[in-house]
N, C-alpha and C. Protein backbone atom coordinates (compact mmCIF):
# COMPACT_ATOMS: atom_id res chain seq x y z
N MET A 1 -72.24 -54.85 -263.03
CA MET A 1 -71.98 -56.24 -263.37
C MET A 1 -71.78 -57.04 -262.09
N LEU A 2 -72.26 -58.27 -262.11
CA LEU A 2 -72.05 -59.17 -260.99
C LEU A 2 -70.56 -59.45 -260.80
N SER A 3 -70.21 -59.97 -259.63
CA SER A 3 -68.83 -60.38 -259.39
C SER A 3 -68.51 -61.62 -260.22
N ALA A 4 -67.23 -61.96 -260.29
CA ALA A 4 -66.81 -63.11 -261.10
C ALA A 4 -67.53 -64.39 -260.67
N GLY A 5 -67.58 -64.64 -259.36
CA GLY A 5 -68.24 -65.84 -258.87
C GLY A 5 -69.72 -65.86 -259.17
N GLU A 6 -70.38 -64.71 -258.98
CA GLU A 6 -71.80 -64.61 -259.27
C GLU A 6 -72.08 -64.79 -260.76
N LEU A 7 -71.19 -64.26 -261.60
CA LEU A 7 -71.35 -64.41 -263.05
C LEU A 7 -71.35 -65.88 -263.45
N HIS A 8 -70.45 -66.64 -262.90
CA HIS A 8 -70.38 -68.06 -263.24
C HIS A 8 -71.68 -68.77 -262.87
N THR A 9 -72.26 -68.41 -261.73
CA THR A 9 -73.52 -69.03 -261.31
C THR A 9 -74.65 -68.66 -262.26
N VAL A 10 -74.79 -67.38 -262.57
CA VAL A 10 -75.89 -66.93 -263.43
C VAL A 10 -75.72 -67.45 -264.85
N ILE A 11 -74.50 -67.42 -265.36
CA ILE A 11 -74.26 -67.90 -266.73
C ILE A 11 -74.60 -69.39 -266.85
N SER A 12 -74.49 -70.13 -265.78
CA SER A 12 -74.84 -71.55 -265.82
C SER A 12 -76.35 -71.76 -265.86
N GLN A 13 -77.12 -70.68 -265.64
CA GLN A 13 -78.57 -70.80 -265.56
C GLN A 13 -79.33 -70.15 -266.71
N VAL A 14 -78.78 -69.07 -267.28
CA VAL A 14 -79.54 -68.33 -268.30
C VAL A 14 -79.63 -69.13 -269.59
N GLN A 15 -80.70 -68.86 -270.34
CA GLN A 15 -80.94 -69.57 -271.59
C GLN A 15 -80.20 -68.91 -272.75
N GLY A 16 -79.62 -69.72 -273.60
CA GLY A 16 -79.03 -69.22 -274.82
C GLY A 16 -80.08 -69.08 -275.90
N THR A 17 -79.73 -68.39 -276.98
CA THR A 17 -80.65 -68.14 -278.09
C THR A 17 -80.05 -68.68 -279.38
N PRO A 18 -80.79 -69.47 -280.16
CA PRO A 18 -80.29 -69.86 -281.49
C PRO A 18 -80.09 -68.60 -282.33
N TYR A 19 -79.07 -68.63 -283.18
CA TYR A 19 -78.71 -67.42 -283.91
C TYR A 19 -78.38 -67.76 -285.34
N LYS A 20 -79.05 -67.09 -286.29
CA LYS A 20 -78.79 -67.31 -287.71
C LYS A 20 -78.80 -65.95 -288.41
N GLU A 21 -77.69 -65.61 -289.06
CA GLU A 21 -77.57 -64.27 -289.64
C GLU A 21 -76.40 -64.24 -290.62
N VAL A 22 -76.41 -63.26 -291.53
CA VAL A 22 -75.25 -62.98 -292.36
C VAL A 22 -74.56 -61.77 -291.74
N LEU A 23 -73.33 -61.95 -291.31
CA LEU A 23 -72.57 -60.92 -290.61
C LEU A 23 -71.46 -60.39 -291.52
N THR A 24 -70.90 -59.22 -291.14
CA THR A 24 -69.93 -58.55 -292.01
C THR A 24 -68.69 -58.12 -291.22
N ARG A 25 -67.56 -58.20 -291.90
CA ARG A 25 -66.30 -57.75 -291.32
C ARG A 25 -65.47 -57.10 -292.42
N TYR A 26 -64.74 -56.05 -292.07
CA TYR A 26 -63.82 -55.44 -293.03
C TYR A 26 -62.41 -55.90 -292.70
N VAL A 27 -61.71 -56.38 -293.74
CA VAL A 27 -60.39 -56.98 -293.59
C VAL A 27 -59.39 -56.19 -294.42
N ASP A 28 -58.23 -55.93 -293.86
CA ASP A 28 -57.20 -55.22 -294.58
C ASP A 28 -56.79 -56.02 -295.82
N SER A 29 -56.75 -55.37 -296.97
CA SER A 29 -56.45 -56.08 -298.22
C SER A 29 -55.06 -56.69 -298.20
N ASP A 30 -54.11 -56.09 -297.47
CA ASP A 30 -52.78 -56.67 -297.39
C ASP A 30 -52.83 -58.04 -296.72
N ALA A 31 -53.65 -58.16 -295.68
CA ALA A 31 -53.78 -59.45 -295.00
C ALA A 31 -54.41 -60.48 -295.93
N PHE A 32 -55.36 -60.04 -296.74
CA PHE A 32 -56.03 -60.96 -297.66
C PHE A 32 -55.07 -61.46 -298.72
N ASP A 33 -54.08 -60.65 -299.09
CA ASP A 33 -53.16 -61.00 -300.16
C ASP A 33 -51.93 -61.78 -299.70
N THR A 34 -51.89 -62.16 -298.42
CA THR A 34 -50.71 -62.87 -297.92
C THR A 34 -50.62 -64.30 -298.42
N GLY A 35 -51.73 -64.83 -298.95
CA GLY A 35 -51.70 -66.19 -299.47
C GLY A 35 -52.56 -67.13 -298.66
N ASN A 36 -52.62 -66.94 -297.31
CA ASN A 36 -53.44 -67.87 -296.54
C ASN A 36 -54.92 -67.52 -296.61
N ARG A 37 -55.22 -66.25 -296.92
CA ARG A 37 -56.59 -65.80 -297.12
C ARG A 37 -57.51 -66.18 -295.96
N ASN A 38 -56.94 -66.26 -294.76
CA ASN A 38 -57.75 -66.56 -293.58
C ASN A 38 -58.21 -65.25 -292.98
N CYS A 39 -59.28 -64.70 -293.54
CA CYS A 39 -59.76 -63.38 -293.12
C CYS A 39 -60.63 -63.45 -291.88
N PHE A 40 -60.80 -64.62 -291.35
CA PHE A 40 -61.53 -64.76 -290.10
C PHE A 40 -60.65 -65.46 -289.07
N TYR A 41 -59.40 -65.03 -289.04
CA TYR A 41 -58.39 -65.54 -288.11
C TYR A 41 -58.91 -65.41 -286.68
N ASP A 42 -58.87 -66.51 -285.91
CA ASP A 42 -59.48 -66.49 -284.58
C ASP A 42 -58.48 -66.40 -283.43
N LEU A 43 -57.19 -66.29 -283.74
CA LEU A 43 -56.19 -66.22 -282.66
C LEU A 43 -55.94 -64.80 -282.17
N GLY A 44 -56.37 -63.79 -282.94
CA GLY A 44 -56.11 -62.41 -282.56
C GLY A 44 -56.59 -62.05 -281.18
N PRO A 45 -57.86 -62.35 -280.82
CA PRO A 45 -58.33 -62.02 -279.47
C PRO A 45 -57.50 -62.68 -278.37
N HIS A 46 -57.09 -63.93 -278.60
CA HIS A 46 -56.27 -64.64 -277.61
C HIS A 46 -54.91 -63.97 -277.45
N GLN A 47 -54.33 -63.54 -278.54
CA GLN A 47 -52.99 -62.97 -278.51
C GLN A 47 -52.95 -61.52 -278.04
N GLU A 48 -53.97 -60.74 -278.41
CA GLU A 48 -53.94 -59.31 -278.15
C GLU A 48 -54.92 -58.84 -277.09
N GLY A 49 -55.98 -59.61 -276.87
CA GLY A 49 -57.04 -59.18 -275.98
C GLY A 49 -58.04 -58.30 -276.74
N LYS A 50 -59.31 -58.54 -276.51
CA LYS A 50 -60.39 -57.74 -277.10
C LYS A 50 -61.45 -57.51 -276.02
N ARG A 51 -62.57 -56.93 -276.41
CA ARG A 51 -63.56 -56.49 -275.43
C ARG A 51 -64.04 -57.61 -274.50
N TYR A 52 -64.30 -58.80 -275.01
CA TYR A 52 -64.81 -59.89 -274.18
C TYR A 52 -63.80 -61.02 -274.01
N THR A 53 -62.59 -60.80 -274.47
CA THR A 53 -61.57 -61.85 -274.41
C THR A 53 -60.26 -61.26 -273.88
N PRO A 54 -59.90 -61.56 -272.63
CA PRO A 54 -58.63 -61.07 -272.10
C PRO A 54 -57.45 -61.66 -272.85
N LYS A 55 -56.34 -60.97 -272.84
CA LYS A 55 -55.12 -61.48 -273.47
C LYS A 55 -54.77 -62.83 -272.87
N GLY A 56 -54.53 -63.81 -273.72
CA GLY A 56 -54.26 -65.16 -273.25
C GLY A 56 -55.52 -65.97 -273.02
N GLY A 57 -56.67 -65.38 -273.29
CA GLY A 57 -57.95 -66.05 -273.07
C GLY A 57 -58.45 -66.78 -274.30
N ALA A 58 -59.74 -66.70 -274.52
CA ALA A 58 -60.39 -67.48 -275.57
C ALA A 58 -60.01 -67.02 -276.98
N ARG A 59 -60.02 -67.96 -277.89
CA ARG A 59 -59.94 -67.64 -279.31
C ARG A 59 -61.33 -67.26 -279.79
N GLY A 60 -61.39 -66.43 -280.82
CA GLY A 60 -62.71 -66.06 -281.29
C GLY A 60 -62.67 -65.16 -282.51
N ILE A 61 -63.84 -64.96 -283.10
CA ILE A 61 -64.01 -64.09 -284.26
C ILE A 61 -65.00 -62.99 -283.88
N TYR A 62 -64.55 -61.74 -283.95
CA TYR A 62 -65.44 -60.60 -283.74
C TYR A 62 -65.96 -60.14 -285.08
N ILE A 63 -67.28 -59.99 -285.19
CA ILE A 63 -67.89 -59.66 -286.47
C ILE A 63 -69.18 -58.89 -286.23
N ALA A 64 -69.60 -58.08 -287.19
CA ALA A 64 -70.69 -57.14 -286.97
C ALA A 64 -71.97 -57.52 -287.70
N GLU A 65 -73.09 -57.06 -287.15
CA GLU A 65 -74.38 -57.21 -287.81
C GLU A 65 -74.58 -56.05 -288.77
N GLY A 66 -74.38 -56.29 -290.04
CA GLY A 66 -74.63 -55.28 -291.05
C GLY A 66 -73.42 -54.45 -291.43
N VAL A 67 -73.46 -53.92 -292.64
CA VAL A 67 -72.35 -53.12 -293.18
C VAL A 67 -72.10 -51.85 -292.37
N PRO A 68 -73.12 -51.06 -292.00
CA PRO A 68 -72.84 -49.84 -291.23
C PRO A 68 -72.08 -50.11 -289.94
N THR A 69 -72.47 -51.17 -289.24
CA THR A 69 -71.78 -51.51 -287.99
C THR A 69 -70.35 -51.95 -288.27
N ALA A 70 -70.16 -52.76 -289.30
CA ALA A 70 -68.81 -53.22 -289.65
C ALA A 70 -67.91 -52.06 -290.02
N LEU A 71 -68.45 -51.08 -290.74
CA LEU A 71 -67.66 -49.91 -291.11
C LEU A 71 -67.27 -49.10 -289.88
N GLY A 72 -68.23 -48.89 -288.99
CA GLY A 72 -67.94 -48.14 -287.77
C GLY A 72 -66.90 -48.84 -286.91
N GLU A 73 -67.00 -50.15 -286.81
CA GLU A 73 -66.03 -50.91 -286.02
C GLU A 73 -64.66 -50.92 -286.69
N ALA A 74 -64.62 -50.94 -288.01
CA ALA A 74 -63.35 -50.98 -288.73
C ALA A 74 -62.53 -49.72 -288.49
N THR A 75 -63.19 -48.57 -288.40
CA THR A 75 -62.46 -47.32 -288.16
C THR A 75 -62.17 -47.10 -286.70
N GLN A 76 -62.88 -47.83 -285.82
CA GLN A 76 -62.78 -47.66 -284.38
C GLN A 76 -63.18 -46.27 -283.92
N LYS A 77 -63.85 -45.51 -284.79
CA LYS A 77 -64.29 -44.17 -284.42
C LYS A 77 -65.76 -43.94 -284.76
N GLY A 78 -66.44 -44.96 -285.21
CA GLY A 78 -67.85 -44.82 -285.51
C GLY A 78 -68.11 -44.28 -286.90
N LEU A 79 -69.37 -44.24 -287.27
CA LEU A 79 -69.75 -43.86 -288.63
C LEU A 79 -69.41 -42.41 -288.95
N ALA A 80 -69.43 -41.53 -287.96
CA ALA A 80 -69.19 -40.11 -288.23
C ALA A 80 -67.77 -39.87 -288.74
N ALA A 81 -66.84 -40.77 -288.45
CA ALA A 81 -65.45 -40.58 -288.84
C ALA A 81 -65.12 -41.19 -290.20
N LEU A 82 -66.08 -41.85 -290.81
CA LEU A 82 -65.79 -42.56 -292.06
C LEU A 82 -65.55 -41.61 -293.23
N LYS A 83 -64.51 -41.90 -293.98
CA LYS A 83 -64.22 -41.19 -295.22
C LYS A 83 -63.85 -42.26 -296.25
N PRO A 84 -64.12 -42.02 -297.54
CA PRO A 84 -63.83 -43.05 -298.55
C PRO A 84 -62.41 -43.58 -298.50
N ASP A 85 -61.43 -42.68 -298.29
CA ASP A 85 -60.04 -43.13 -298.31
C ASP A 85 -59.67 -43.94 -297.08
N ARG A 86 -60.50 -43.86 -296.02
CA ARG A 86 -60.21 -44.61 -294.80
C ARG A 86 -60.46 -46.10 -294.98
N ILE A 87 -61.33 -46.46 -295.93
CA ILE A 87 -61.66 -47.88 -296.10
C ILE A 87 -61.21 -48.41 -297.46
N ALA A 88 -60.39 -47.62 -298.16
CA ALA A 88 -59.99 -48.00 -299.52
C ALA A 88 -59.16 -49.28 -299.53
N THR A 89 -58.42 -49.57 -298.46
CA THR A 89 -57.57 -50.75 -298.44
C THR A 89 -58.24 -51.92 -297.72
N ARG A 90 -59.53 -51.80 -297.41
CA ARG A 90 -60.22 -52.86 -296.71
C ARG A 90 -61.20 -53.57 -297.64
N LEU A 91 -61.34 -54.87 -297.41
CA LEU A 91 -62.26 -55.69 -298.18
C LEU A 91 -63.44 -56.07 -297.30
N GLN A 92 -64.63 -56.01 -297.87
CA GLN A 92 -65.81 -56.47 -297.15
C GLN A 92 -65.90 -57.98 -297.25
N MET A 93 -65.98 -58.64 -296.11
CA MET A 93 -66.16 -60.08 -296.07
C MET A 93 -67.43 -60.38 -295.30
N ASP A 94 -68.27 -61.23 -295.86
CA ASP A 94 -69.51 -61.62 -295.20
C ASP A 94 -69.40 -63.06 -294.72
N MET A 95 -70.12 -63.36 -293.67
CA MET A 95 -70.12 -64.71 -293.12
C MET A 95 -71.55 -65.13 -292.80
N SER A 96 -71.99 -66.22 -293.36
CA SER A 96 -73.27 -66.80 -292.99
C SER A 96 -73.06 -67.62 -291.73
N VAL A 97 -73.77 -67.25 -290.68
CA VAL A 97 -73.56 -67.82 -289.36
C VAL A 97 -74.82 -68.53 -288.88
N GLU A 98 -74.65 -69.73 -288.40
CA GLU A 98 -75.75 -70.46 -287.77
C GLU A 98 -75.20 -71.08 -286.49
N LEU A 99 -75.57 -70.50 -285.36
CA LEU A 99 -75.05 -70.92 -284.07
C LEU A 99 -76.16 -71.52 -283.22
N LYS A 100 -75.82 -72.59 -282.53
CA LYS A 100 -76.81 -73.28 -281.71
C LYS A 100 -77.28 -72.43 -280.54
N SER A 101 -76.34 -71.69 -279.92
CA SER A 101 -76.71 -70.94 -278.72
C SER A 101 -75.76 -69.77 -278.51
N VAL A 102 -76.32 -68.55 -278.41
CA VAL A 102 -75.51 -67.38 -278.06
C VAL A 102 -76.10 -66.72 -276.82
N LEU A 103 -75.25 -66.05 -276.07
CA LEU A 103 -75.71 -65.20 -274.98
C LEU A 103 -76.06 -63.86 -275.59
N ASN A 104 -77.35 -63.53 -275.61
CA ASN A 104 -77.82 -62.33 -276.29
C ASN A 104 -77.91 -61.16 -275.31
N LEU A 105 -76.90 -60.29 -275.34
CA LEU A 105 -76.89 -59.14 -274.46
C LEU A 105 -77.78 -58.02 -274.97
N GLY A 106 -78.44 -58.23 -276.10
CA GLY A 106 -79.46 -57.30 -276.56
C GLY A 106 -80.77 -57.51 -275.82
N ASP A 107 -80.88 -58.59 -275.09
CA ASP A 107 -82.08 -58.92 -274.32
C ASP A 107 -81.99 -58.26 -272.94
N ALA A 108 -82.91 -57.34 -272.67
CA ALA A 108 -82.88 -56.61 -271.39
C ALA A 108 -83.02 -57.53 -270.20
N ARG A 109 -83.72 -58.64 -270.36
CA ARG A 109 -83.87 -59.60 -269.25
C ARG A 109 -82.53 -60.23 -268.89
N ILE A 110 -81.74 -60.54 -269.90
CA ILE A 110 -80.40 -61.10 -269.64
C ILE A 110 -79.54 -60.06 -268.94
N ARG A 111 -79.58 -58.81 -269.41
CA ARG A 111 -78.77 -57.76 -268.76
C ARG A 111 -79.16 -57.58 -267.31
N ARG A 112 -80.46 -57.67 -267.01
CA ARG A 112 -80.90 -57.53 -265.62
C ARG A 112 -80.36 -58.68 -264.78
N ARG A 113 -80.38 -59.89 -265.31
CA ARG A 113 -79.84 -61.04 -264.56
C ARG A 113 -78.37 -60.85 -264.25
N LEU A 114 -77.64 -60.23 -265.19
CA LEU A 114 -76.20 -60.01 -265.02
C LEU A 114 -75.89 -58.72 -264.25
N GLN A 115 -76.94 -57.95 -263.98
CA GLN A 115 -76.82 -56.64 -263.32
C GLN A 115 -75.86 -55.72 -264.08
N THR A 116 -76.10 -55.64 -265.37
CA THR A 116 -75.28 -54.77 -266.21
C THR A 116 -76.20 -53.91 -267.07
N SER A 117 -75.60 -53.05 -267.89
CA SER A 117 -76.34 -52.13 -268.74
C SER A 117 -75.63 -51.98 -270.07
N ILE A 118 -76.34 -51.40 -271.04
CA ILE A 118 -75.72 -51.10 -272.33
C ILE A 118 -74.51 -50.21 -272.13
N GLU A 119 -74.63 -49.22 -271.26
CA GLU A 119 -73.53 -48.28 -271.02
C GLU A 119 -72.30 -49.01 -270.48
N GLU A 120 -72.48 -49.92 -269.54
CA GLU A 120 -71.33 -50.65 -268.99
C GLU A 120 -70.72 -51.56 -270.04
N LEU A 121 -71.55 -52.20 -270.84
CA LEU A 121 -71.04 -53.11 -271.87
C LEU A 121 -70.25 -52.37 -272.95
N LYS A 122 -70.53 -51.08 -273.13
CA LYS A 122 -69.82 -50.26 -274.12
C LYS A 122 -68.67 -49.47 -273.53
N SER A 123 -68.45 -49.59 -272.23
CA SER A 123 -67.43 -48.78 -271.55
C SER A 123 -66.01 -49.23 -271.93
N PRO A 124 -64.99 -48.37 -271.73
CA PRO A 124 -63.60 -48.73 -272.08
C PRO A 124 -63.14 -50.00 -271.36
N TRP A 125 -62.36 -50.82 -272.07
CA TRP A 125 -61.88 -52.07 -271.52
C TRP A 125 -60.36 -52.22 -271.62
N LYS A 126 -59.69 -51.38 -272.40
CA LYS A 126 -58.27 -51.60 -272.70
C LYS A 126 -57.35 -51.36 -271.52
N GLY A 127 -57.85 -50.74 -270.45
CA GLY A 127 -57.01 -50.52 -269.28
C GLY A 127 -56.47 -51.81 -268.69
N GLY A 128 -57.20 -52.91 -268.94
CA GLY A 128 -56.75 -54.19 -268.42
C GLY A 128 -55.47 -54.69 -269.07
N LEU A 129 -55.08 -54.07 -270.21
CA LEU A 129 -53.84 -54.48 -270.88
C LEU A 129 -52.63 -53.74 -270.33
N LEU A 130 -52.86 -52.81 -269.41
CA LEU A 130 -51.80 -51.98 -268.84
C LEU A 130 -51.77 -52.16 -267.33
N PRO A 131 -50.61 -51.91 -266.68
CA PRO A 131 -50.57 -51.98 -265.22
C PRO A 131 -51.63 -51.08 -264.61
N PRO A 132 -52.34 -51.49 -263.58
CA PRO A 132 -52.15 -52.70 -262.76
C PRO A 132 -52.90 -53.93 -263.27
N TYR A 133 -53.29 -53.95 -264.54
CA TYR A 133 -53.90 -55.10 -265.18
C TYR A 133 -55.20 -55.56 -264.52
N SER A 134 -56.05 -54.63 -264.15
CA SER A 134 -57.34 -54.99 -263.57
C SER A 134 -58.31 -55.39 -264.69
N TRP A 135 -59.09 -56.42 -264.44
CA TRP A 135 -59.98 -56.93 -265.47
C TRP A 135 -61.22 -56.04 -265.61
N SER A 136 -61.63 -55.82 -266.84
CA SER A 136 -62.85 -55.06 -267.12
C SER A 136 -64.06 -55.95 -266.86
N ALA A 137 -65.23 -55.31 -266.74
CA ALA A 137 -66.47 -56.06 -266.54
C ALA A 137 -66.74 -57.00 -267.71
N THR A 138 -66.43 -56.56 -268.93
CA THR A 138 -66.70 -57.40 -270.09
C THR A 138 -65.73 -58.59 -270.16
N TRP A 139 -64.52 -58.42 -269.67
CA TRP A 139 -63.59 -59.56 -269.61
C TRP A 139 -64.13 -60.62 -268.65
N LEU A 140 -64.61 -60.18 -267.49
CA LEU A 140 -65.15 -61.12 -266.51
C LEU A 140 -66.33 -61.88 -267.10
N LEU A 141 -67.18 -61.15 -267.81
CA LEU A 141 -68.34 -61.78 -268.43
C LEU A 141 -67.93 -62.76 -269.52
N GLY A 142 -67.05 -62.32 -270.40
CA GLY A 142 -66.60 -63.18 -271.48
C GLY A 142 -65.94 -64.45 -270.98
N GLU A 143 -65.15 -64.33 -269.92
CA GLU A 143 -64.47 -65.50 -269.35
C GLU A 143 -65.49 -66.48 -268.75
N ALA A 144 -66.51 -65.93 -268.08
CA ALA A 144 -67.54 -66.79 -267.50
C ALA A 144 -68.32 -67.53 -268.59
N VAL A 145 -68.61 -66.84 -269.69
CA VAL A 145 -69.31 -67.47 -270.81
C VAL A 145 -68.45 -68.58 -271.42
N PHE A 146 -67.17 -68.29 -271.62
CA PHE A 146 -66.26 -69.28 -272.22
C PHE A 146 -66.13 -70.51 -271.33
N GLU A 147 -65.93 -70.27 -270.04
CA GLU A 147 -65.72 -71.39 -269.11
C GLU A 147 -66.97 -72.22 -268.89
N SER A 148 -68.14 -71.64 -269.13
CA SER A 148 -69.39 -72.40 -268.95
C SER A 148 -69.57 -73.49 -270.00
N GLU A 149 -68.94 -73.33 -271.15
CA GLU A 149 -69.06 -74.27 -272.27
C GLU A 149 -70.50 -74.46 -272.71
N ARG A 150 -71.33 -73.42 -272.52
CA ARG A 150 -72.76 -73.52 -272.86
C ARG A 150 -73.13 -72.71 -274.09
N PHE A 151 -72.23 -71.86 -274.55
CA PHE A 151 -72.58 -70.92 -275.62
C PHE A 151 -71.54 -70.95 -276.74
N ASP A 152 -72.04 -70.77 -277.97
CA ASP A 152 -71.16 -70.66 -279.14
C ASP A 152 -70.61 -69.25 -279.29
N GLY A 153 -71.24 -68.28 -278.61
CA GLY A 153 -70.79 -66.90 -278.76
C GLY A 153 -71.61 -65.93 -277.93
N ILE A 154 -71.32 -64.65 -278.13
CA ILE A 154 -71.97 -63.56 -277.41
C ILE A 154 -72.42 -62.51 -278.42
N ARG A 155 -73.68 -62.11 -278.35
CA ARG A 155 -74.18 -60.98 -279.13
C ARG A 155 -74.16 -59.77 -278.21
N PHE A 156 -73.46 -58.70 -278.63
CA PHE A 156 -73.24 -57.57 -277.73
C PHE A 156 -73.38 -56.24 -278.46
N PRO A 157 -73.67 -55.15 -277.73
CA PRO A 157 -73.84 -53.84 -278.37
C PRO A 157 -72.53 -53.28 -278.90
N SER A 158 -72.57 -52.73 -280.11
CA SER A 158 -71.40 -52.07 -280.66
C SER A 158 -71.08 -50.83 -279.83
N ALA A 159 -69.82 -50.66 -279.50
CA ALA A 159 -69.39 -49.47 -278.76
C ALA A 159 -69.21 -48.28 -279.68
N LYS A 160 -69.25 -48.51 -281.01
CA LYS A 160 -68.98 -47.46 -281.98
C LYS A 160 -70.22 -46.97 -282.71
N VAL A 161 -71.23 -47.81 -282.82
CA VAL A 161 -72.43 -47.44 -283.57
C VAL A 161 -73.65 -47.71 -282.67
N ASN A 162 -74.29 -46.66 -282.22
CA ASN A 162 -75.41 -46.80 -281.28
C ASN A 162 -76.53 -47.64 -281.85
N ARG A 163 -77.10 -48.48 -280.98
CA ARG A 163 -78.24 -49.34 -281.29
C ARG A 163 -77.93 -50.38 -282.38
N HIS A 164 -76.66 -50.66 -282.56
CA HIS A 164 -76.24 -51.73 -283.47
C HIS A 164 -75.48 -52.78 -282.65
N TYR A 165 -75.38 -53.99 -283.23
CA TYR A 165 -74.81 -55.11 -282.48
C TYR A 165 -73.71 -55.84 -283.25
N CYS A 166 -72.85 -56.47 -282.48
CA CYS A 166 -71.77 -57.31 -283.00
C CYS A 166 -71.89 -58.69 -282.36
N VAL A 167 -71.10 -59.62 -282.85
CA VAL A 167 -71.10 -60.98 -282.32
C VAL A 167 -69.67 -61.45 -282.13
N LEU A 168 -69.41 -62.06 -281.00
CA LEU A 168 -68.16 -62.78 -280.77
C LEU A 168 -68.46 -64.26 -280.92
N ILE A 169 -67.84 -64.90 -281.90
CA ILE A 169 -67.98 -66.34 -282.09
C ILE A 169 -66.83 -67.02 -281.37
N LEU A 170 -67.15 -67.83 -280.39
CA LEU A 170 -66.13 -68.55 -279.61
C LEU A 170 -65.82 -69.85 -280.34
N THR A 171 -64.80 -69.83 -281.17
CA THR A 171 -64.53 -70.96 -282.07
C THR A 171 -64.18 -72.25 -281.32
N GLU A 172 -63.65 -72.13 -280.11
CA GLU A 172 -63.33 -73.33 -279.34
C GLU A 172 -64.56 -73.90 -278.63
N ARG A 173 -65.68 -73.22 -278.71
CA ARG A 173 -66.90 -73.67 -278.04
C ARG A 173 -68.03 -73.96 -279.03
N MET A 174 -67.73 -73.94 -280.31
CA MET A 174 -68.78 -74.16 -281.30
C MET A 174 -69.31 -75.59 -281.24
N SER A 175 -70.63 -75.71 -281.21
CA SER A 175 -71.23 -77.04 -281.23
C SER A 175 -71.17 -77.61 -282.65
N LYS A 176 -71.29 -78.91 -282.76
CA LYS A 176 -71.16 -79.57 -284.06
C LYS A 176 -72.25 -79.15 -285.03
N SER A 177 -73.39 -78.72 -284.51
CA SER A 177 -74.49 -78.31 -285.39
C SER A 177 -74.34 -76.87 -285.88
N SER A 178 -73.38 -76.13 -285.33
CA SER A 178 -73.17 -74.75 -285.75
C SER A 178 -72.39 -74.71 -287.05
N LYS A 179 -72.65 -73.66 -287.86
CA LYS A 179 -72.03 -73.56 -289.18
C LYS A 179 -71.54 -72.15 -289.44
N LEU A 180 -70.37 -72.04 -290.05
CA LEU A 180 -69.82 -70.77 -290.50
C LEU A 180 -69.44 -70.92 -291.96
N SER A 181 -69.91 -70.02 -292.80
CA SER A 181 -69.53 -70.02 -294.22
C SER A 181 -69.17 -68.61 -294.62
N ALA A 182 -68.01 -68.43 -295.22
CA ALA A 182 -67.52 -67.10 -295.56
C ALA A 182 -67.61 -66.84 -297.06
N HIS A 183 -67.83 -65.59 -297.42
CA HIS A 183 -67.83 -65.22 -298.83
C HIS A 183 -67.62 -63.72 -298.96
N ARG A 184 -67.12 -63.31 -300.12
CA ARG A 184 -67.09 -61.90 -300.46
C ARG A 184 -68.37 -61.58 -301.21
N PRO A 185 -68.88 -60.36 -301.10
CA PRO A 185 -70.12 -60.02 -301.81
C PRO A 185 -70.03 -60.38 -303.29
N GLY A 186 -71.02 -61.08 -303.78
CA GLY A 186 -71.05 -61.46 -305.18
C GLY A 186 -70.35 -62.76 -305.48
N GLU A 187 -69.72 -63.36 -304.47
CA GLU A 187 -69.02 -64.63 -304.68
C GLU A 187 -69.73 -65.74 -303.92
N GLY A 188 -69.44 -66.97 -304.29
CA GLY A 188 -70.06 -68.11 -303.64
C GLY A 188 -69.54 -68.33 -302.23
N LEU A 189 -70.31 -69.10 -301.48
CA LEU A 189 -69.92 -69.41 -300.11
C LEU A 189 -68.74 -70.38 -300.10
N VAL A 190 -67.86 -70.18 -299.14
CA VAL A 190 -66.74 -71.09 -298.93
C VAL A 190 -66.75 -71.48 -297.46
N SER A 191 -66.88 -72.76 -297.17
CA SER A 191 -66.91 -73.18 -295.77
C SER A 191 -65.59 -72.86 -295.10
N LEU A 192 -65.67 -72.35 -293.89
CA LEU A 192 -64.46 -72.02 -293.15
C LEU A 192 -63.76 -73.30 -292.73
N THR A 193 -62.44 -73.27 -292.75
CA THR A 193 -61.67 -74.38 -292.24
C THR A 193 -60.74 -73.87 -291.15
N GLY A 194 -60.24 -74.74 -290.36
CA GLY A 194 -59.32 -74.35 -289.28
C GLY A 194 -59.31 -75.41 -288.20
N ASP A 195 -58.52 -75.17 -287.16
CA ASP A 195 -58.42 -76.15 -286.09
C ASP A 195 -59.41 -75.82 -284.99
N PHE A 196 -60.64 -75.44 -285.37
CA PHE A 196 -61.66 -75.17 -284.40
C PHE A 196 -61.99 -76.45 -283.63
N LYS A 197 -62.12 -76.33 -282.33
CA LYS A 197 -62.44 -77.49 -281.50
C LYS A 197 -63.94 -77.56 -281.32
N LEU A 198 -64.56 -78.56 -281.90
CA LEU A 198 -66.01 -78.70 -281.84
C LEU A 198 -66.40 -79.48 -280.59
N ARG A 199 -67.52 -79.09 -280.00
CA ARG A 199 -68.04 -79.82 -278.84
C ARG A 199 -69.36 -80.47 -279.22
N PRO A 200 -69.81 -81.48 -278.47
CA PRO A 200 -71.07 -82.17 -278.80
C PRO A 200 -72.25 -81.20 -278.78
């Protein structure tokens, strides 16, 4: 991966990709029954830190392309570890997503510009939450993308399910033309609401 300074330069130059897809996330049924029913809560990455969002960094929604990927990510151990009782308390939630521009890390040309690889993008990142608090390569990349204000999100390889992808939606960077609609399978679409900060 490029250095932090180099990342900011390259991210200001690479082209984003329009993105339209139905994505999936598994949500703990207890959280769904709390009353607020906000199953796409975007403060978690900011509060806890995630793969592309350092603790105290960007707000966002992590969500998967397809049910198999969502299941693998929900267990945090991949598809081989799935058992029926492991997902019995989780609800499948789908989201229709239409984003103006994402940084597509599935594109080998983009990875070459960033001097990174699938292996590096899937490598462990949680060490940054512990002393000496060194930032992971994906944190540096995610921060550069967020600060550029050029992208609605990042499409990235799942670390749990080979050759499958997930998406980080940067809710504070969503353009006005981008749309998110949530629904449970078999139910109608419900437009997401929240204090998302829209940009022109």
